[in-house]
Amino acid sequence: MIPSHRKSSLRSLSALALAVAVLSLGACRQPQMPASDGKPAATTDAKPAPAAPTKPADAKPADAPPADTASDTPELRIATIDGKTYDLAERRGRWVVVNFWATWCAPCIKEMPELSALDTMRDHIEVIGLAYEEIELADMQAFLKKHPVSYPIAILDVADPPKAFDTPRGLPMTYLIGPDGKVAEKFLGPVDAKKIEAAIAKASAQVAVPKA
């Protein structure tokens, strides 16, 4: 017969081995997601059902919303801080510089005088500044007294920016809109008159010349 103290030791070793085996199996399982009531989801020893065939990585549900709502021919109709309404559609036939900026953005402030000069000195180019920040009208008016510009300024709702444009990934973000209303160029980062006029020259050269 096996002494009682030997039986106790054997039972302890068996229990330890079983615990190690259970822990090893648990490490190979995918973590369980919590149930909707906040409690851990129940586990089961049943064999998992065969995995359903996966869709290609680029496949999207038929009812999925578009990932990008930006348009090649963006629309913009917005109230400016001087109480007027700016409508991009009314600017057809001219080049329009749409500049996303903010008062806390140093590069934005640095480019403002040159954009203002471009707006004033070039009859075929105009600028619209879209302040992408949470700021009170009075604070914006005070800021513009220190940093005056010749072009109109509008304050955007950062929670609901114009859907025809990409949500800025950084500031400043500038769009060059052609006379046909289409986006001719995008600039992420500071711009100056030289860059804008070079983009206009490039876009103009790419326009096909009608045959006689």
Protein backbone atom coordinates (compact mmCIF):
# COMPACT_ATOMS: atom_id res chain seq x y z
CA MET A 1 0.00 0.00 0.00
CA ILE A 2 1.11 3.58 -0.66
CA PRO A 3 1.51 5.56 2.55
CA SER A 4 -1.01 8.36 3.01
CA HIS A 5 1.65 11.07 2.86
CA ARG A 6 2.82 9.67 -0.54
CA LYS A 7 -0.78 9.74 -1.83
CA SER A 8 -1.08 13.37 -0.75
CA SER A 9 2.13 14.26 -2.58
CA LEU A 10 0.98 12.48 -5.76
CA ARG A 11 -2.36 14.31 -5.67
CA SER A 12 -0.53 17.64 -5.29
CA LEU A 13 1.74 16.88 -8.28
CA SER A 14 -1.26 15.86 -10.40
CA ALA A 15 -3.12 19.04 -9.53
CA LEU A 16 -0.05 21.16 -10.39
CA ALA A 17 0.36 19.40 -13.74
CA LEU A 18 -3.32 19.95 -14.56
CA ALA A 19 -3.09 23.67 -13.68
CA VAL A 20 -0.03 24.10 -15.96
CA ALA A 21 -1.85 22.37 -18.80
CA VAL A 22 -4.91 24.64 -18.43
CA LEU A 23 -2.76 27.79 -18.40
CA SER A 24 -0.91 26.61 -21.51
CA LEU A 25 -4.16 26.10 -23.40
CA GLY A 26 -5.49 29.51 -22.30
CA ALA A 27 -2.45 31.34 -23.70
CA CYS A 28 -3.23 29.98 -27.19
CA ARG A 29 -6.83 31.26 -27.18
CA GLN A 30 -7.92 34.60 -28.53
CA PRO A 31 -8.80 36.97 -25.65
CA GLN A 32 -12.51 36.94 -24.87
CA MET A 33 -14.41 40.16 -25.52
CA PRO A 34 -16.53 41.37 -22.57
CA ALA A 35 -20.27 40.81 -22.84
CA SER A 36 -22.62 43.73 -23.37
CA ASP A 37 -23.57 43.75 -19.66
CA GLY A 38 -19.96 44.47 -18.69
CA LYS A 39 -19.30 40.90 -17.42
CA PRO A 40 -16.72 38.67 -19.05
CA ALA A 41 -18.18 36.60 -21.86
CA ALA A 42 -18.81 32.97 -21.04
CA THR A 43 -16.37 30.44 -22.46
CA THR A 44 -17.19 27.05 -23.87
CA ASP A 45 -15.27 23.90 -24.61
CA ALA A 46 -17.23 23.26 -27.81
CA LYS A 47 -15.18 23.11 -30.99
CA PRO A 48 -15.23 26.38 -32.94
CA ALA A 49 -17.30 26.46 -36.10
CA PRO A 50 -15.37 26.48 -39.37
CA ALA A 51 -14.27 30.01 -40.26
CA ALA A 52 -16.27 31.73 -42.98
CA PRO A 53 -14.39 32.69 -46.12
CA THR A 54 -12.88 36.14 -45.70
CA LYS A 55 -13.43 38.94 -48.16
CA PRO A 56 -10.50 40.57 -49.93
CA ALA A 57 -8.85 43.34 -47.94
CA ASP A 58 -10.30 46.00 -50.21
CA ALA A 59 -13.86 44.68 -50.10
CA LYS A 60 -16.40 46.95 -48.40
CA PRO A 61 -20.01 46.35 -47.39
CA ALA A 62 -22.48 47.55 -49.98
CA ASP A 63 -23.99 50.03 -47.53
CA ALA A 64 -20.69 51.36 -46.19
CA PRO A 65 -20.38 55.17 -46.35
CA PRO A 66 -17.71 56.56 -48.68
CA ALA A 67 -14.33 56.95 -47.01
CA ASP A 68 -13.74 60.34 -48.55
CA THR A 69 -16.44 62.87 -49.33
CA ALA A 70 -14.08 65.45 -50.82
CA SER A 71 -14.95 66.57 -54.32
CA ASP A 72 -12.85 67.39 -57.36
CA THR A 73 -15.23 70.30 -57.89
CA PRO A 74 -15.89 71.43 -54.31
CA GLU A 75 -18.79 73.60 -53.24
CA LEU A 76 -18.39 76.21 -50.54
CA ARG A 77 -21.05 78.64 -49.38
CA ILE A 78 -20.26 80.15 -46.01
CA ALA A 79 -20.81 83.25 -43.88
CA THR A 80 -17.74 85.43 -43.41
CA ILE A 81 -16.94 87.42 -40.28
CA ASP A 82 -17.99 90.68 -41.97
CA GLY A 83 -21.55 89.39 -42.24
CA LYS A 84 -21.42 88.56 -45.94
CA THR A 85 -21.82 85.22 -47.72
CA TYR A 86 -18.98 83.76 -49.73
CA ASP A 87 -20.04 81.41 -52.55
CA LEU A 88 -17.26 79.60 -54.39
CA ALA A 89 -19.59 78.82 -57.30
CA GLU A 90 -19.80 82.54 -58.07
CA ARG A 91 -16.03 82.68 -58.61
CA ARG A 92 -15.95 80.65 -61.81
CA GLY A 93 -13.53 82.11 -64.34
CA ARG A 94 -11.00 83.03 -61.65
CA TRP A 95 -8.34 81.18 -59.68
CA VAL A 96 -9.30 80.83 -56.03
CA VAL A 97 -6.95 80.06 -53.15
CA VAL A 98 -8.84 78.34 -50.32
CA ASN A 99 -6.64 78.56 -47.24
CA PHE A 100 -7.36 76.53 -44.07
CA TRP A 101 -5.55 78.18 -41.14
CA ALA A 102 -5.71 79.05 -37.44
CA THR A 103 -4.64 81.94 -35.24
CA TRP A 104 -2.41 79.64 -33.15
CA CYS A 105 -0.55 78.38 -36.26
CA ALA A 106 2.73 80.27 -36.71
CA PRO A 107 3.30 79.21 -40.37
CA CYS A 108 -0.28 80.28 -41.14
CA ILE A 109 0.33 83.76 -39.75
CA LYS A 110 3.63 84.01 -41.62
CA GLU A 111 2.01 83.36 -45.01
CA MET A 112 -0.95 85.71 -44.49
CA PRO A 113 0.74 88.94 -45.75
CA GLU A 114 1.82 87.25 -48.98
CA LEU A 115 -1.61 85.75 -49.58
CA SER A 116 -3.09 89.17 -48.96
CA ALA A 117 -0.72 90.77 -51.49
CA LEU A 118 -1.56 88.05 -54.01
CA ASP A 119 -5.26 88.70 -53.55
CA THR A 120 -4.76 92.45 -54.02
CA MET A 121 -2.25 92.50 -56.89
CA ARG A 122 -3.52 89.70 -59.15
CA ASP A 123 -6.89 90.38 -60.77
CA HIS A 124 -7.31 86.74 -61.81
CA ILE A 125 -6.60 85.33 -58.31
CA GLU A 126 -8.53 85.69 -55.08
CA VAL A 127 -8.16 84.20 -51.61
CA ILE A 128 -10.61 82.97 -48.98
CA GLY A 129 -9.36 82.16 -45.46
CA LEU A 130 -11.11 79.41 -43.50
CA ALA A 131 -10.24 79.53 -39.79
CA TYR A 132 -10.19 75.91 -38.62
CA GLU A 133 -10.45 76.45 -34.88
CA GLU A 134 -12.80 77.17 -32.01
CA ILE A 135 -12.68 80.93 -31.57
CA GLU A 136 -15.16 83.66 -30.73
CA LEU A 137 -15.99 86.25 -33.37
CA ALA A 138 -14.72 89.10 -31.17
CA ASP A 139 -11.40 87.32 -30.65
CA MET A 140 -11.00 86.77 -34.38
CA GLN A 141 -11.78 90.41 -35.12
CA ALA A 142 -9.19 91.47 -32.52
CA PHE A 143 -6.62 89.14 -34.09
CA LEU A 144 -7.24 90.53 -37.58
CA LYS A 145 -6.69 94.07 -36.33
CA LYS A 146 -3.13 93.00 -35.55
CA HIS A 147 -2.82 90.85 -38.69
CA PRO A 148 -5.02 92.53 -41.33
CA VAL A 149 -5.66 90.85 -44.68
CA SER A 150 -7.47 91.95 -47.83
CA TYR A 151 -9.38 88.70 -48.35
CA PRO A 152 -12.51 87.45 -46.55
CA ILE A 153 -12.26 85.23 -43.47
CA ALA A 154 -14.78 82.66 -42.27
CA ILE A 155 -14.75 80.66 -39.02
CA LEU A 156 -15.44 76.96 -39.52
CA ASP A 157 -17.25 74.58 -37.22
CA VAL A 158 -14.45 72.12 -36.42
CA ALA A 159 -17.06 69.45 -35.64
CA ASP A 160 -18.65 69.91 -39.06
CA PRO A 161 -16.13 71.30 -41.58
CA PRO A 162 -17.04 71.65 -45.27
CA LYS A 163 -17.58 68.11 -46.57
CA ALA A 164 -16.48 69.01 -50.09
CA PHE A 165 -12.91 69.39 -48.78
CA ASP A 166 -10.67 66.91 -46.98
CA THR A 167 -10.49 67.39 -43.23
CA PRO A 168 -7.13 69.13 -42.73
CA ARG A 169 -4.39 66.74 -41.61
CA GLY A 170 -2.31 69.75 -40.66
CA LEU A 171 -2.28 73.52 -40.98
CA PRO A 172 -1.96 75.45 -43.11
CA MET A 173 -3.77 73.45 -45.80
CA THR A 174 -4.39 75.24 -49.09
CA TYR A 175 -6.39 74.38 -52.19
CA LEU A 176 -5.94 76.03 -55.57
CA ILE A 177 -9.26 76.00 -57.42
CA GLY A 178 -9.16 76.55 -61.18
CA PRO A 179 -11.44 78.80 -63.25
CA ASP A 180 -13.50 75.69 -64.06
CA GLY A 181 -14.18 75.09 -60.35
CA LYS A 182 -11.95 72.01 -60.14
CA VAL A 183 -9.12 71.45 -57.66
CA ALA A 184 -5.89 72.17 -59.53
CA GLU A 185 -3.45 71.71 -56.64
CA LYS A 186 -3.28 71.03 -52.90
CA PHE A 187 -0.61 72.31 -50.54
CA LEU A 188 -0.01 70.89 -47.07
CA GLY A 189 2.20 73.39 -45.31
CA PRO A 190 3.11 77.01 -45.97
CA VAL A 191 2.68 78.50 -49.43
CA ASP A 192 3.78 81.74 -51.04
CA ALA A 193 2.95 83.65 -54.21
CA LYS A 194 5.72 81.91 -56.14
CA LYS A 195 4.33 78.42 -55.40
CA ILE A 196 0.79 79.41 -56.25
CA GLU A 197 1.69 81.15 -59.50
CA ALA A 198 3.90 78.22 -60.50
CA ALA A 199 0.95 75.85 -59.87
CA ILE A 200 -1.30 78.09 -61.97
CA ALA A 201 1.23 78.11 -64.82
CA LYS A 202 1.54 74.32 -64.66
CA ALA A 203 -2.21 73.75 -64.60
CA SER A 204 -2.74 76.22 -67.46
CA ALA A 205 -0.12 74.44 -69.59
CA GLN A 206 -1.90 71.11 -69.09
CA VAL A 207 -5.16 72.41 -70.48
CA ALA A 208 -5.65 70.94 -73.95
CA VAL A 209 -5.72 73.49 -76.73
CA PRO A 210 -8.82 72.95 -78.90
CA LYS A 211 -8.09 71.99 -82.48
CA ALA A 212 -8.91 74.54 -85.16
